[in-house]
Amino acid sequence: MFKRLLLFAWIGSMTLLIGCEGKQGEVGPKGDPGVAGPAGPAGPAGEDGTGSGGGAIILSSGAVKTDTSGGFVTGFNDLTPAEDSLFQSSAILVYIKSQDVYWPLPGLVLFGSGATAAGSEFTFVHGIQNKTFFVELFQRGWSEEKLTSAPDRSFQDVRVVIIPGIIAGKNGCGNSQELREDDCCIRVNRRQDKVDQGIQIQVT
């Protein structure tokens, strides 16, 4: 009987202890961050981009003079197939530096000052022949009325700007490469005719 009473008393005390929950304590301080894990593996390489890039190529001759025909030629030799393709699809701009400024071609370029002032109308052609990209400048007219042939001119610089691009085809036209070559030939064949016209320029 006494043992049963002790058992009941023990069960009652345990129930009392479990049922009486104390006040919750405060949250402890935040711990220090752990060490960073190793970097993950590199992702796969991206695909090659498309397009011509957008950077222009600039040729600068420095101080030069015209040749015996009153013209000037510059360019690149021994073109690779990739370079040939690049030049075939590029736009070409040409500038002559005289009197400390750049004059765009085709157009009038002035030389000297005062009593020695003179001027010439220059234009240019460009193309590719025998793996050589060339830009040829020539005079269409000049201010010296008594001269029957192009006069000598000195340039502070000749700057050729080559802008790569993409040639878009056009329905109904022939092969674009053939058209470009034919166009170049037409301009070259007409060059002498334009020089022979002897356009006179008045310089004031």
N, C-alpha and C. Protein backbone atom coordinates (compact mmCIF):
# COMPACT_ATOMS: atom_id res chain seq x y z
N MET A 1 0.84 -1.20 0.00
CA MET A 1 0.00 0.00 0.00
C MET A 1 0.88 1.26 0.00
N PHE A 2 1.88 1.22 0.80
CA PHE A 2 2.80 2.37 0.91
C PHE A 2 3.53 2.59 -0.41
N LYS A 3 3.91 1.51 -1.10
CA LYS A 3 4.59 1.60 -2.38
C LYS A 3 3.69 2.24 -3.42
N ARG A 4 2.39 1.89 -3.37
CA ARG A 4 1.45 2.48 -4.33
C ARG A 4 1.34 3.98 -4.12
N LEU A 5 1.31 4.40 -2.86
CA LEU A 5 1.22 5.83 -2.56
C LEU A 5 2.45 6.57 -3.07
N LEU A 6 3.65 5.98 -2.92
CA LEU A 6 4.87 6.60 -3.43
C LEU A 6 4.84 6.72 -4.97
N LEU A 7 4.30 5.68 -5.60
CA LEU A 7 4.21 5.69 -7.07
C LEU A 7 3.30 6.81 -7.55
N PHE A 8 2.13 6.95 -6.88
CA PHE A 8 1.19 8.02 -7.26
C PHE A 8 1.80 9.39 -7.03
N ALA A 9 2.53 9.52 -5.91
CA ALA A 9 3.16 10.82 -5.60
C ALA A 9 4.23 11.17 -6.64
N TRP A 10 4.98 10.16 -7.06
CA TRP A 10 6.04 10.40 -8.08
C TRP A 10 5.44 10.79 -9.42
N ILE A 11 4.36 10.13 -9.82
CA ILE A 11 3.67 10.45 -11.09
C ILE A 11 3.11 11.86 -11.04
N GLY A 12 2.56 12.23 -9.89
CA GLY A 12 1.99 13.57 -9.76
C GLY A 12 3.05 14.65 -9.84
N SER A 13 4.20 14.41 -9.23
CA SER A 13 5.28 15.41 -9.28
C SER A 13 5.82 15.58 -10.69
N MET A 14 5.92 14.50 -11.46
CA MET A 14 6.40 14.57 -12.83
C MET A 14 5.41 15.35 -13.71
N THR A 15 4.13 15.13 -13.49
CA THR A 15 3.10 15.86 -14.24
C THR A 15 3.19 17.35 -13.97
N LEU A 16 3.43 17.67 -12.68
CA LEU A 16 3.54 19.07 -12.29
C LEU A 16 4.76 19.73 -12.94
N LEU A 17 5.90 19.00 -12.98
CA LEU A 17 7.11 19.54 -13.58
C LEU A 17 6.95 19.76 -15.09
N ILE A 18 6.30 18.83 -15.76
CA ILE A 18 6.10 18.94 -17.21
C ILE A 18 5.13 20.05 -17.54
N GLY A 19 4.09 20.19 -16.78
CA GLY A 19 3.04 21.17 -17.07
C GLY A 19 3.47 22.59 -16.78
N CYS A 20 4.45 22.82 -15.94
CA CYS A 20 4.89 24.17 -15.58
C CYS A 20 6.08 24.57 -16.47
N GLU A 21 5.78 25.30 -17.55
CA GLU A 21 6.84 25.72 -18.47
C GLU A 21 7.34 27.09 -18.05
N GLY A 22 8.68 27.28 -17.98
CA GLY A 22 9.25 28.56 -17.57
C GLY A 22 9.29 29.57 -18.70
N LYS A 23 9.71 30.85 -18.41
CA LYS A 23 9.82 31.92 -19.40
C LYS A 23 10.98 31.62 -20.36
N GLN A 24 10.72 31.90 -21.70
CA GLN A 24 11.74 31.61 -22.71
C GLN A 24 12.91 32.57 -22.59
N GLY A 25 14.12 32.06 -22.72
CA GLY A 25 15.31 32.91 -22.64
C GLY A 25 15.54 33.74 -23.89
N GLU A 26 16.45 34.76 -23.86
CA GLU A 26 16.76 35.61 -25.01
C GLU A 26 17.58 34.85 -26.05
N VAL A 27 17.43 35.31 -27.32
CA VAL A 27 18.19 34.71 -28.42
C VAL A 27 19.65 35.09 -28.30
N GLY A 28 20.52 34.15 -28.51
CA GLY A 28 21.95 34.40 -28.40
C GLY A 28 22.49 35.23 -29.57
N PRO A 29 23.70 35.75 -29.46
CA PRO A 29 24.30 36.56 -30.54
C PRO A 29 24.54 35.74 -31.80
N LYS A 30 24.51 36.46 -32.99
CA LYS A 30 24.72 35.80 -34.27
C LYS A 30 26.16 35.32 -34.39
N GLY A 31 26.34 34.13 -34.88
CA GLY A 31 27.67 33.58 -35.02
C GLY A 31 28.41 34.14 -36.23
N ASP A 32 29.73 33.97 -36.27
CA ASP A 32 30.54 34.44 -37.38
C ASP A 32 30.22 33.65 -38.64
N PRO A 33 30.28 34.33 -39.87
CA PRO A 33 30.00 33.60 -41.12
C PRO A 33 31.04 32.52 -41.38
N GLY A 34 30.61 31.48 -41.99
CA GLY A 34 31.51 30.38 -42.30
C GLY A 34 32.42 30.71 -43.47
N VAL A 35 33.40 29.88 -43.71
CA VAL A 35 34.35 30.05 -44.80
C VAL A 35 33.65 29.80 -46.14
N ALA A 36 33.91 30.67 -47.17
CA ALA A 36 33.29 30.51 -48.49
C ALA A 36 33.72 29.20 -49.13
N GLY A 37 32.79 28.59 -49.81
CA GLY A 37 33.08 27.34 -50.49
C GLY A 37 33.88 27.56 -51.76
N PRO A 38 34.42 26.53 -52.35
CA PRO A 38 35.22 26.66 -53.58
C PRO A 38 34.35 27.12 -54.76
N ALA A 39 34.99 27.82 -55.75
CA ALA A 39 34.26 28.30 -56.93
C ALA A 39 33.78 27.12 -57.76
N GLY A 40 32.63 27.32 -58.38
CA GLY A 40 32.08 26.28 -59.23
C GLY A 40 32.83 26.18 -60.55
N PRO A 41 32.60 25.15 -61.31
CA PRO A 41 33.30 24.97 -62.60
C PRO A 41 32.90 26.06 -63.60
N ALA A 42 33.82 26.42 -64.53
CA ALA A 42 33.55 27.43 -65.54
C ALA A 42 32.48 26.94 -66.51
N GLY A 43 31.65 27.87 -66.98
CA GLY A 43 30.61 27.53 -67.95
C GLY A 43 31.20 27.29 -69.33
N PRO A 44 30.41 26.75 -70.24
CA PRO A 44 30.91 26.49 -71.60
C PRO A 44 31.17 27.80 -72.34
N ALA A 45 32.11 27.77 -73.29
CA ALA A 45 32.46 28.97 -74.08
C ALA A 45 31.28 29.37 -74.95
N GLY A 46 31.08 30.68 -75.11
CA GLY A 46 30.00 31.19 -75.93
C GLY A 46 30.30 31.01 -77.41
N GLU A 47 29.27 31.18 -78.24
CA GLU A 47 29.44 31.05 -79.68
C GLU A 47 30.15 32.28 -80.24
N ASP A 48 30.84 32.09 -81.38
CA ASP A 48 31.50 33.21 -82.04
C ASP A 48 30.48 34.24 -82.48
N GLY A 49 30.84 35.52 -82.32
CA GLY A 49 29.95 36.59 -82.75
C GLY A 49 29.93 36.72 -84.26
N THR A 50 28.98 37.50 -84.75
CA THR A 50 28.85 37.76 -86.18
C THR A 50 29.02 39.24 -86.43
N GLY A 51 29.32 39.60 -87.68
CA GLY A 51 29.48 41.01 -88.02
C GLY A 51 30.93 41.33 -88.32
N SER A 52 31.16 42.56 -88.73
CA SER A 52 32.49 42.97 -89.16
C SER A 52 33.29 43.68 -88.09
N GLY A 53 32.70 43.92 -86.95
CA GLY A 53 33.43 44.51 -85.85
C GLY A 53 33.15 45.98 -85.68
N GLY A 54 33.37 46.82 -86.66
CA GLY A 54 33.08 48.22 -86.52
C GLY A 54 34.29 49.11 -86.38
N GLY A 55 35.49 48.51 -86.22
CA GLY A 55 36.69 49.32 -86.13
C GLY A 55 37.21 49.67 -87.51
N ALA A 56 37.49 50.97 -87.76
CA ALA A 56 38.01 51.40 -89.05
C ALA A 56 39.52 51.21 -89.12
N ILE A 57 40.03 50.99 -90.32
CA ILE A 57 41.46 50.88 -90.59
C ILE A 57 41.90 52.21 -91.22
N ILE A 58 42.95 52.81 -90.70
CA ILE A 58 43.40 54.11 -91.19
C ILE A 58 44.83 54.00 -91.73
N LEU A 59 45.01 54.37 -93.00
CA LEU A 59 46.34 54.47 -93.60
C LEU A 59 46.76 55.93 -93.59
N SER A 60 47.95 56.20 -93.12
CA SER A 60 48.47 57.58 -93.08
C SER A 60 49.84 57.59 -93.74
N SER A 61 49.98 58.38 -94.80
CA SER A 61 51.22 58.38 -95.58
C SER A 61 52.30 59.28 -95.00
N GLY A 62 51.91 60.29 -94.23
CA GLY A 62 52.87 61.31 -93.84
C GLY A 62 53.11 62.27 -95.01
N ALA A 63 54.15 63.08 -94.93
CA ALA A 63 54.44 64.06 -95.98
C ALA A 63 54.89 63.37 -97.26
N VAL A 64 54.19 63.64 -98.36
CA VAL A 64 54.51 63.03 -99.66
C VAL A 64 54.26 64.05 -100.77
N LYS A 65 54.73 63.72 -101.97
CA LYS A 65 54.50 64.55 -103.15
C LYS A 65 53.81 63.72 -104.23
N THR A 66 53.19 64.40 -105.16
CA THR A 66 52.58 63.71 -106.28
C THR A 66 53.66 63.13 -107.19
N ASP A 67 53.27 62.13 -107.98
CA ASP A 67 54.23 61.52 -108.92
C ASP A 67 54.29 62.35 -110.21
N THR A 68 54.96 61.83 -111.22
CA THR A 68 55.16 62.59 -112.46
C THR A 68 53.85 62.86 -113.20
N SER A 69 52.81 62.10 -112.91
CA SER A 69 51.51 62.32 -113.55
C SER A 69 50.61 63.24 -112.73
N GLY A 70 51.13 63.72 -111.58
CA GLY A 70 50.33 64.59 -110.73
C GLY A 70 49.41 63.83 -109.80
N GLY A 71 49.61 62.51 -109.67
CA GLY A 71 48.77 61.70 -108.81
C GLY A 71 49.55 61.09 -107.66
N PHE A 72 48.89 60.20 -106.96
CA PHE A 72 49.52 59.54 -105.82
C PHE A 72 48.81 58.21 -105.60
N VAL A 73 49.59 57.16 -105.28
CA VAL A 73 49.03 55.82 -105.08
C VAL A 73 49.50 55.26 -103.74
N THR A 74 48.59 54.65 -103.00
CA THR A 74 48.93 53.96 -101.76
C THR A 74 48.07 52.71 -101.65
N GLY A 75 48.37 51.84 -100.67
CA GLY A 75 47.56 50.63 -100.50
C GLY A 75 48.28 49.54 -99.74
N PHE A 76 47.77 48.30 -99.88
CA PHE A 76 48.31 47.11 -99.23
C PHE A 76 48.70 46.08 -100.29
N ASN A 77 49.84 45.41 -100.08
CA ASN A 77 50.28 44.36 -100.99
C ASN A 77 50.08 42.97 -100.36
N ASP A 78 50.12 41.93 -101.21
CA ASP A 78 50.10 40.53 -100.78
C ASP A 78 48.93 40.26 -99.84
N LEU A 79 47.72 40.54 -100.29
CA LEU A 79 46.54 40.32 -99.48
C LEU A 79 46.26 38.83 -99.28
N THR A 80 45.87 38.45 -98.07
CA THR A 80 45.37 37.11 -97.82
C THR A 80 43.92 37.04 -98.29
N PRO A 81 43.35 35.83 -98.44
CA PRO A 81 41.93 35.74 -98.83
C PRO A 81 41.01 36.50 -97.87
N ALA A 82 41.31 36.45 -96.57
CA ALA A 82 40.49 37.16 -95.59
C ALA A 82 40.59 38.67 -95.78
N GLU A 83 41.82 39.17 -96.04
CA GLU A 83 42.00 40.61 -96.27
C GLU A 83 41.34 41.05 -97.57
N ASP A 84 41.44 40.20 -98.58
CA ASP A 84 40.79 40.51 -99.86
C ASP A 84 39.29 40.68 -99.66
N SER A 85 38.68 39.74 -98.91
CA SER A 85 37.24 39.82 -98.64
C SER A 85 36.89 41.07 -97.85
N LEU A 86 37.75 41.42 -96.87
CA LEU A 86 37.50 42.61 -96.06
C LEU A 86 37.51 43.87 -96.92
N PHE A 87 38.52 44.03 -97.77
CA PHE A 87 38.61 45.24 -98.59
C PHE A 87 37.51 45.28 -99.65
N GLN A 88 37.12 44.11 -100.16
CA GLN A 88 36.05 44.09 -101.16
C GLN A 88 34.74 44.64 -100.60
N SER A 89 34.52 44.45 -99.30
CA SER A 89 33.25 44.86 -98.70
C SER A 89 33.38 46.13 -97.85
N SER A 90 34.46 46.90 -98.05
CA SER A 90 34.69 48.08 -97.22
C SER A 90 34.33 49.36 -97.95
N ALA A 91 33.92 50.36 -97.18
CA ALA A 91 33.75 51.71 -97.70
C ALA A 91 35.06 52.47 -97.52
N ILE A 92 35.43 53.29 -98.49
CA ILE A 92 36.72 53.98 -98.48
C ILE A 92 36.51 55.50 -98.46
N LEU A 93 37.16 56.16 -97.52
CA LEU A 93 37.17 57.62 -97.44
C LEU A 93 38.62 58.10 -97.57
N VAL A 94 38.82 59.21 -98.26
CA VAL A 94 40.18 59.72 -98.48
C VAL A 94 40.23 61.21 -98.14
N TYR A 95 41.32 61.61 -97.46
CA TYR A 95 41.53 63.01 -97.10
C TYR A 95 42.96 63.40 -97.43
N ILE A 96 43.14 64.63 -97.93
CA ILE A 96 44.46 65.20 -98.15
C ILE A 96 44.67 66.31 -97.13
N LYS A 97 45.83 66.29 -96.48
CA LYS A 97 46.15 67.35 -95.53
C LYS A 97 47.02 68.39 -96.21
N SER A 98 46.53 69.63 -96.20
CA SER A 98 47.27 70.76 -96.74
C SER A 98 46.83 72.00 -95.98
N GLN A 99 47.74 72.93 -95.78
CA GLN A 99 47.47 74.13 -94.99
C GLN A 99 47.01 73.77 -93.57
N ASP A 100 47.54 72.65 -93.06
CA ASP A 100 47.28 72.18 -91.69
C ASP A 100 45.84 71.73 -91.45
N VAL A 101 45.09 71.45 -92.53
CA VAL A 101 43.74 70.91 -92.38
C VAL A 101 43.55 69.76 -93.35
N TYR A 102 42.57 68.90 -93.08
CA TYR A 102 42.26 67.76 -93.95
C TYR A 102 41.11 68.13 -94.89
N TRP A 103 41.34 67.88 -96.18
CA TRP A 103 40.34 68.16 -97.21
C TRP A 103 39.75 66.83 -97.70
N PRO A 104 38.42 66.66 -97.65
CA PRO A 104 37.82 65.39 -98.10
C PRO A 104 37.78 65.30 -99.62
N LEU A 105 37.98 64.09 -100.13
CA LEU A 105 37.91 63.84 -101.56
C LEU A 105 36.65 63.04 -101.89
N PRO A 106 36.11 63.26 -103.11
CA PRO A 106 36.58 64.21 -104.13
C PRO A 106 36.25 65.64 -103.75
N GLY A 107 37.12 66.58 -104.20
CA GLY A 107 36.89 67.97 -103.89
C GLY A 107 38.12 68.82 -104.11
N LEU A 108 37.96 70.11 -103.82
CA LEU A 108 39.02 71.08 -103.99
C LEU A 108 39.99 71.03 -102.82
N VAL A 109 41.31 71.12 -103.15
CA VAL A 109 42.35 71.18 -102.13
C VAL A 109 43.22 72.40 -102.44
N LEU A 110 43.45 73.25 -101.45
CA LEU A 110 44.26 74.45 -101.63
C LEU A 110 45.67 74.23 -101.09
N PHE A 111 46.64 74.89 -101.76
CA PHE A 111 48.04 74.77 -101.38
C PHE A 111 48.66 76.17 -101.32
N GLY A 112 49.65 76.32 -100.43
CA GLY A 112 50.36 77.58 -100.33
C GLY A 112 49.48 78.70 -99.81
N SER A 113 50.01 79.95 -99.91
CA SER A 113 49.27 81.12 -99.44
C SER A 113 49.80 82.35 -100.16
N GLY A 114 49.02 83.40 -100.16
CA GLY A 114 49.43 84.63 -100.78
C GLY A 114 49.69 84.48 -102.27
N ALA A 115 50.86 84.96 -102.70
CA ALA A 115 51.19 84.93 -104.13
C ALA A 115 51.39 83.51 -104.65
N THR A 116 51.70 82.58 -103.77
CA THR A 116 51.95 81.19 -104.19
C THR A 116 50.71 80.31 -104.03
N ALA A 117 49.58 80.90 -103.70
CA ALA A 117 48.37 80.10 -103.49
C ALA A 117 47.95 79.41 -104.78
N ALA A 118 47.57 78.16 -104.67
CA ALA A 118 47.12 77.38 -105.82
C ALA A 118 46.11 76.35 -105.33
N GLY A 119 45.42 75.76 -106.27
CA GLY A 119 44.42 74.77 -105.90
C GLY A 119 44.26 73.71 -106.97
N SER A 120 43.84 72.52 -106.55
CA SER A 120 43.56 71.42 -107.47
C SER A 120 42.29 70.71 -107.03
N GLU A 121 41.56 70.22 -108.01
CA GLU A 121 40.42 69.37 -107.71
C GLU A 121 40.88 67.91 -107.80
N PHE A 122 40.84 67.23 -106.67
CA PHE A 122 41.28 65.83 -106.60
C PHE A 122 40.08 64.89 -106.49
N THR A 123 40.24 63.72 -107.05
CA THR A 123 39.32 62.63 -106.80
C THR A 123 40.15 61.35 -106.69
N PHE A 124 39.51 60.21 -106.54
CA PHE A 124 40.28 58.97 -106.36
C PHE A 124 39.47 57.77 -106.84
N VAL A 125 40.19 56.70 -107.09
CA VAL A 125 39.59 55.40 -107.37
C VAL A 125 40.27 54.39 -106.45
N HIS A 126 39.61 53.29 -106.19
CA HIS A 126 40.22 52.22 -105.39
C HIS A 126 39.75 50.88 -105.91
N GLY A 127 40.54 49.86 -105.66
CA GLY A 127 40.19 48.52 -106.12
C GLY A 127 41.22 47.50 -105.67
N ILE A 128 41.09 46.28 -106.17
CA ILE A 128 42.02 45.20 -105.86
C ILE A 128 42.48 44.56 -107.16
N GLN A 129 43.79 44.51 -107.36
CA GLN A 129 44.38 43.86 -108.52
C GLN A 129 45.62 43.10 -108.09
N ASN A 130 45.72 41.85 -108.53
CA ASN A 130 46.89 41.01 -108.23
C ASN A 130 47.23 40.99 -106.74
N LYS A 131 46.23 40.75 -105.91
CA LYS A 131 46.38 40.66 -104.46
C LYS A 131 46.86 41.98 -103.83
N THR A 132 46.60 43.07 -104.52
CA THR A 132 47.00 44.39 -104.01
C THR A 132 45.78 45.30 -103.93
N PHE A 133 45.53 45.83 -102.75
CA PHE A 133 44.49 46.84 -102.57
C PHE A 133 45.14 48.20 -102.79
N PHE A 134 44.57 49.00 -103.71
CA PHE A 134 45.18 50.29 -104.03
C PHE A 134 44.14 51.41 -103.95
N VAL A 135 44.65 52.59 -103.63
CA VAL A 135 43.87 53.83 -103.68
C VAL A 135 44.70 54.81 -104.50
N GLU A 136 44.16 55.27 -105.62
CA GLU A 136 44.89 56.17 -106.51
C GLU A 136 44.21 57.53 -106.55
N LEU A 137 44.98 58.57 -106.26
CA LEU A 137 44.50 59.95 -106.32
C LEU A 137 44.95 60.58 -107.62
N PHE A 138 44.12 61.42 -108.24
CA PHE A 138 44.54 62.15 -109.42
C PHE A 138 43.79 63.47 -109.50
N GLN A 139 44.38 64.39 -110.24
CA GLN A 139 43.83 65.74 -110.36
C GLN A 139 42.91 65.84 -111.58
N ARG A 140 41.73 66.40 -111.33
CA ARG A 140 40.80 66.64 -112.44
C ARG A 140 40.93 68.05 -112.99
N GLY A 141 41.49 68.95 -112.21
CA GLY A 141 41.65 70.33 -112.65
C GLY A 141 42.58 71.07 -111.71
N TRP A 142 43.06 72.25 -112.13
CA TRP A 142 44.01 73.00 -111.32
C TRP A 142 43.88 74.48 -111.64
N SER A 143 44.41 75.32 -110.77
CA SER A 143 44.25 76.76 -110.90
C SER A 143 45.23 77.40 -111.88
N GLU A 144 46.32 76.73 -112.19
CA GLU A 144 47.32 77.27 -113.11
C GLU A 144 46.81 77.15 -114.55
N GLU A 145 46.29 78.24 -115.10
CA GLU A 145 45.62 78.20 -116.40
C GLU A 145 46.56 77.83 -117.54
N LYS A 146 47.84 78.17 -117.42
CA LYS A 146 48.77 77.93 -118.53
C LYS A 146 49.27 76.49 -118.59
N LEU A 147 49.05 75.70 -117.53
CA LEU A 147 49.55 74.32 -117.51
C LEU A 147 48.59 73.40 -118.27
N THR A 148 49.17 72.57 -119.10
CA THR A 148 48.36 71.60 -119.85
C THR A 148 48.36 70.21 -119.20
N SER A 149 49.23 70.02 -118.22
CA SER A 149 49.27 68.74 -117.47
C SER A 149 49.22 69.04 -115.98
N ALA A 150 48.88 68.05 -115.21
CA ALA A 150 48.69 68.24 -113.77
C ALA A 150 49.98 68.72 -113.11
N PRO A 151 49.90 69.75 -112.28
CA PRO A 151 51.10 70.27 -111.61
C PRO A 151 51.53 69.40 -110.43
N ASP A 152 52.75 69.61 -109.98
CA ASP A 152 53.24 68.91 -108.79
C ASP A 152 52.57 69.50 -107.55
N ARG A 153 52.19 68.64 -106.62
CA ARG A 153 51.59 69.08 -105.36
C ARG A 153 52.27 68.34 -104.21
N SER A 154 52.42 69.03 -103.09
CA SER A 154 52.99 68.42 -101.88
C SER A 154 51.91 68.32 -100.82
N PHE A 155 51.80 67.14 -100.21
CA PHE A 155 50.80 66.90 -99.17
C PHE A 155 51.49 66.78 -97.81
N GLN A 156 50.87 67.32 -96.80
CA GLN A 156 51.35 67.08 -95.44
C GLN A 156 51.00 65.65 -95.01
N ASP A 157 49.94 65.13 -95.57
CA ASP A 157 49.52 63.76 -95.24
C ASP A 157 48.42 63.35 -96.21
N VAL A 158 48.35 62.06 -96.48
CA VAL A 158 47.21 61.47 -97.19
C VAL A 158 46.63 60.41 -96.27
N ARG A 159 45.39 60.58 -95.90
CA ARG A 159 44.76 59.66 -94.96
C ARG A 159 43.65 58.88 -95.66
N VAL A 160 43.75 57.57 -95.61
CA VAL A 160 42.74 56.68 -96.19
C VAL A 160 42.05 55.95 -95.04
N VAL A 161 40.74 56.09 -94.96
CA VAL A 161 39.95 55.46 -93.91
C VAL A 161 39.17 54.31 -94.53
N ILE A 162 39.42 53.10 -94.04
CA ILE A 162 38.79 51.88 -94.56
C ILE A 162 37.78 51.40 -93.52
N ILE A 163 36.51 51.39 -93.89
CA ILE A 163 35.43 51.03 -92.96
C ILE A 163 34.84 49.69 -93.39
N PRO A 164 35.15 48.60 -92.66
CA PRO A 164 34.60 47.29 -93.03
C PRO A 164 33.08 47.28 -92.93
N GLY A 165 32.48 46.51 -93.81
CA GLY A 165 31.01 46.42 -93.82
C GLY A 165 30.56 45.11 -94.41
N ILE A 166 29.27 44.99 -94.61
CA ILE A 166 28.66 43.80 -95.21
C ILE A 166 27.87 44.25 -96.43
N ILE A 167 28.16 43.67 -97.60
CA ILE A 167 27.46 44.04 -98.82
C ILE A 167 26.17 43.25 -98.93
N ALA A 168 25.06 43.97 -99.03
CA ALA A 168 23.76 43.32 -99.16
C ALA A 168 23.45 43.14 -100.65
N GLY A 169 23.01 41.95 -101.01
CA GLY A 169 22.66 41.69 -102.40
C GLY A 169 21.35 42.38 -102.78
N LYS A 170 21.06 42.43 -104.06
CA LYS A 170 19.85 43.06 -104.56
C LYS A 170 19.24 42.16 -105.62
N ASN A 171 17.93 41.90 -105.52
CA ASN A 171 17.26 41.01 -106.47
C ASN A 171 17.34 41.58 -107.88
N GLY A 172 17.65 40.70 -108.82
CA GLY A 172 17.69 41.11 -110.21
C GLY A 172 19.06 41.55 -110.68
N CYS A 173 20.04 41.67 -109.77
CA CYS A 173 21.38 42.07 -110.17
C CYS A 173 22.27 40.85 -110.32
N GLY A 174 23.38 41.04 -110.98
CA GLY A 174 24.33 39.96 -111.14
C GLY A 174 25.15 39.76 -109.89
N ASN A 175 26.20 38.98 -110.02
CA ASN A 175 27.09 38.71 -108.90
C ASN A 175 27.67 40.02 -108.37
N SER A 176 27.59 40.22 -107.03
CA SER A 176 28.02 41.50 -106.45
C SER A 176 29.50 41.74 -106.67
N GLN A 177 30.33 40.68 -106.63
CA GLN A 177 31.76 40.85 -106.83
C GLN A 177 32.05 41.33 -108.26
N GLU A 178 31.33 40.76 -109.24
CA GLU A 178 31.52 41.17 -110.61
C GLU A 178 31.12 42.64 -110.80
N LEU A 179 30.02 43.04 -110.12
CA LEU A 179 29.58 44.42 -110.23
C LEU A 179 30.62 45.37 -109.68
N ARG A 180 31.22 45.02 -108.55
CA ARG A 180 32.22 45.89 -107.95
C ARG A 180 33.45 46.01 -108.85
N GLU A 181 33.88 44.87 -109.43
CA GLU A 181 35.05 44.91 -110.29
C GLU A 181 34.77 45.73 -111.56
N ASP A 182 33.57 45.54 -112.13
CA ASP A 182 33.20 46.28 -113.33
C ASP A 182 33.14 47.77 -113.04
N ASP A 183 32.57 48.11 -111.88
CA ASP A 183 32.46 49.52 -111.50
C ASP A 183 33.84 50.15 -111.38
N CYS A 184 34.78 49.40 -110.77
CA CYS A 184 36.14 49.90 -110.62
C CYS A 184 36.78 50.10 -112.00
N CYS A 185 36.59 49.16 -112.92
CA CYS A 185 37.17 49.27 -114.25
C CYS A 185 36.61 50.48 -114.99
N ILE A 186 35.30 50.71 -114.85
CA ILE A 186 34.67 51.85 -115.52
C ILE A 186 35.29 53.15 -115.03
N ARG A 187 35.47 53.26 -113.72
CA ARG A 187 36.03 54.49 -113.17
C ARG A 187 37.48 54.69 -113.60
N VAL A 188 38.25 53.60 -113.62
CA VAL A 188 39.65 53.70 -114.03
C VAL A 188 39.75 54.08 -115.50
N ASN A 189 38.89 53.51 -116.36
CA ASN A 189 38.93 53.82 -117.78
C ASN A 189 38.55 55.27 -118.06
N ARG A 190 37.70 55.83 -117.22
CA ARG A 190 37.28 57.21 -117.41
C ARG A 190 38.27 58.21 -116.82
N ARG A 191 39.24 57.72 -116.07
CA ARG A 191 40.15 58.61 -115.37
C ARG A 191 40.87 59.55 -116.34
N GLN A 192 41.44 59.02 -117.43
CA GLN A 192 42.20 59.84 -118.36
C GLN A 192 41.30 60.87 -119.03
N ASP A 193 40.05 60.47 -119.33
CA ASP A 193 39.11 61.42 -119.94
C ASP A 193 38.88 62.61 -119.02
N LYS A 194 38.74 62.33 -117.72
CA LYS A 194 38.50 63.41 -116.78
C LYS A 194 39.71 64.33 -116.67
N VAL A 195 40.93 63.76 -116.70
CA VAL A 195 42.13 64.57 -116.61
C VAL A 195 42.27 65.44 -117.86
N ASP A 196 41.96 64.86 -119.04
CA ASP A 196 42.13 65.59 -120.28
C ASP A 196 41.18 66.77 -120.41
N GLN A 197 40.10 66.77 -119.63
CA GLN A 197 39.15 67.86 -119.73
C GLN A 197 39.76 69.19 -119.28
N GLY A 198 40.79 69.14 -118.39
CA GLY A 198 41.49 70.36 -117.97
C GLY A 198 40.59 71.36 -117.30
N ILE A 199 39.83 70.94 -116.31
CA ILE A 199 38.95 71.84 -115.59
C ILE A 199 39.77 72.93 -114.91
N GLN A 200 39.41 74.19 -115.11
CA GLN A 200 40.14 75.30 -114.54
C GLN A 200 39.49 75.75 -113.23
N ILE A 201 40.33 76.10 -112.24
CA ILE A 201 39.86 76.51 -110.93
C ILE A 201 40.40 77.89 -110.63
N GLN A 202 39.54 78.78 -110.20
CA GLN A 202 39.96 80.12 -109.82
C GLN A 202 40.23 80.15 -108.33
N VAL A 203 41.42 80.60 -107.94
CA VAL A 203 41.80 80.70 -106.54
C VAL A 203 41.88 82.17 -106.17
N THR A 204 41.13 82.57 -105.15
CA THR A 204 41.13 83.97 -104.71
C THR A 204 41.71 84.07 -103.30
